Protein backbone atom coordinates (compact mmCIF):
# COMPACT_ATOMS: atom_id res chain seq x y z
CA VAL A 1 -147.62 -24.86 -57.51
CA ALA A 2 -144.35 -22.95 -57.09
CA ASP A 3 -140.83 -22.39 -58.41
CA ALA A 4 -139.42 -25.90 -58.16
CA ALA A 5 -135.91 -24.60 -57.42
CA ASP A 6 -137.06 -22.68 -54.34
CA LEU A 7 -140.29 -24.04 -52.89
CA PRO A 8 -142.12 -21.85 -50.36
CA TYR A 9 -142.70 -24.76 -47.96
CA GLY A 10 -140.97 -25.88 -44.79
CA ASP A 11 -138.67 -28.85 -44.47
CA GLU A 12 -140.41 -32.24 -44.53
CA SER A 13 -143.81 -30.75 -45.46
CA PHE A 14 -145.01 -33.48 -47.84
CA ASP A 15 -145.58 -37.24 -47.92
CA LEU A 16 -145.72 -37.15 -51.73
CA VAL A 17 -144.13 -34.92 -54.36
CA ALA A 18 -145.25 -35.44 -57.98
CA LEU A 19 -143.53 -34.06 -61.08
CA LEU A 20 -145.05 -34.24 -64.55
CA ASN A 21 -142.92 -33.33 -67.57
CA MET A 22 -140.45 -31.20 -65.67
CA PRO A 23 -136.82 -31.37 -64.56
CA PRO A 24 -136.23 -32.60 -61.01
CA PHE A 25 -134.61 -30.30 -58.49
CA PHE A 26 -133.25 -33.12 -56.35
CA ALA A 27 -132.11 -31.17 -53.29
CA GLU A 28 -135.31 -29.14 -53.04
CA ILE A 29 -137.53 -32.21 -53.43
CA ALA A 30 -135.53 -34.02 -50.73
CA ARG A 31 -135.84 -30.99 -48.45
CA VAL A 32 -139.65 -30.82 -48.55
CA LEU A 33 -140.23 -34.60 -48.55
CA ARG A 34 -140.85 -36.28 -45.19
CA PRO A 35 -138.84 -39.37 -44.18
CA GLY A 36 -140.59 -42.38 -45.70
CA GLY A 37 -142.29 -40.12 -48.27
CA SER A 38 -142.39 -40.74 -52.01
CA VAL A 39 -141.60 -38.82 -55.16
CA ILE A 40 -143.14 -39.65 -58.54
CA VAL A 41 -141.59 -38.38 -61.76
CA ALA A 42 -143.64 -38.96 -64.92
CA ALA A 43 -142.82 -38.12 -68.54
CA SER A 44 -145.87 -38.22 -70.84
CA TRP A 45 -143.87 -39.12 -73.96
CA GLY A 46 -140.94 -40.95 -72.38
CA ALA A 47 -137.60 -39.87 -73.82
CA ALA A 48 -139.35 -37.56 -76.32
CA THR A 49 -140.66 -35.40 -73.46
CA PRO A 50 -139.00 -31.98 -73.13
CA PHE A 51 -136.91 -31.88 -69.91
CA TYR A 52 -136.81 -35.71 -69.86
CA THR A 53 -134.42 -37.18 -67.30
CA PRO A 54 -133.55 -40.86 -67.86
CA PRO A 55 -134.07 -43.31 -64.98
CA SER A 56 -130.31 -43.61 -64.41
CA GLY A 57 -130.11 -39.83 -63.91
CA LEU A 58 -133.09 -39.87 -61.55
CA GLU A 59 -131.61 -42.73 -59.52
CA ARG A 60 -128.22 -41.02 -59.25
CA GLY A 61 -129.61 -37.57 -58.43
CA PHE A 62 -132.10 -38.75 -55.84
CA ARG A 63 -129.66 -41.20 -54.22
CA ARG A 64 -127.32 -38.27 -53.48
CA HIS A 65 -130.14 -36.80 -51.40
CA GLY A 66 -131.29 -39.88 -49.49
CA ILE A 67 -134.03 -41.00 -51.86
CA GLY A 68 -133.83 -44.52 -53.27
CA SER A 69 -135.49 -45.97 -56.34
CA ALA A 70 -138.69 -47.88 -55.46
CA ALA A 71 -140.05 -48.62 -58.96
CA GLN A 72 -139.87 -47.45 -62.55
CA GLY A 73 -141.33 -48.33 -65.90
CA GLU A 74 -142.99 -47.35 -69.14
CA THR A 75 -146.69 -47.27 -69.93
CA GLY A 76 -148.45 -46.23 -73.12
CA GLY A 77 -145.43 -44.37 -74.50
CA GLY A 78 -144.75 -42.53 -71.25
CA SER A 79 -142.35 -43.34 -68.45
CA TRP A 80 -142.47 -43.10 -64.67
CA PHE A 81 -140.16 -43.33 -61.67
CA VAL A 82 -140.99 -43.68 -57.99
CA GLY A 83 -138.48 -42.88 -55.28
CA ARG A 84 -138.77 -43.23 -51.51
CA LYS A 85 -136.93 -41.14 -48.92
CA ARG A 86 -135.14 -43.06 -46.20
CA SER A 87 -136.89 -42.94 -42.88
CA ASP A 88 -133.84 -43.53 -40.64
C-alpha cells in the first residue's frame, strides 16, 4: 500500500499490480511492473464507481507505456481489465 503516483518500489519489482476502485497511474504502474507482468484494474460498480476509467481509456493509457490489453469484461455489475507488459 502506497501513494500510487510515487510508489516506493524499484523498477520492475512486481509480476502483478492490482487496482480496485482507483484511478490508474499508467507510468508508475509500468515502471514497477516486470516485463511479461500483468495489471488488473477492477471497478466494483462498473461505470458508477468513483474514479472509474472506461476500458478505452485504460487501453490507450497503458498502451502508451508498453502494456497491452489482454482481457476485459463485466461481471455482477462490476467491470475488470487485464493488461500485460511486453516482454521484449
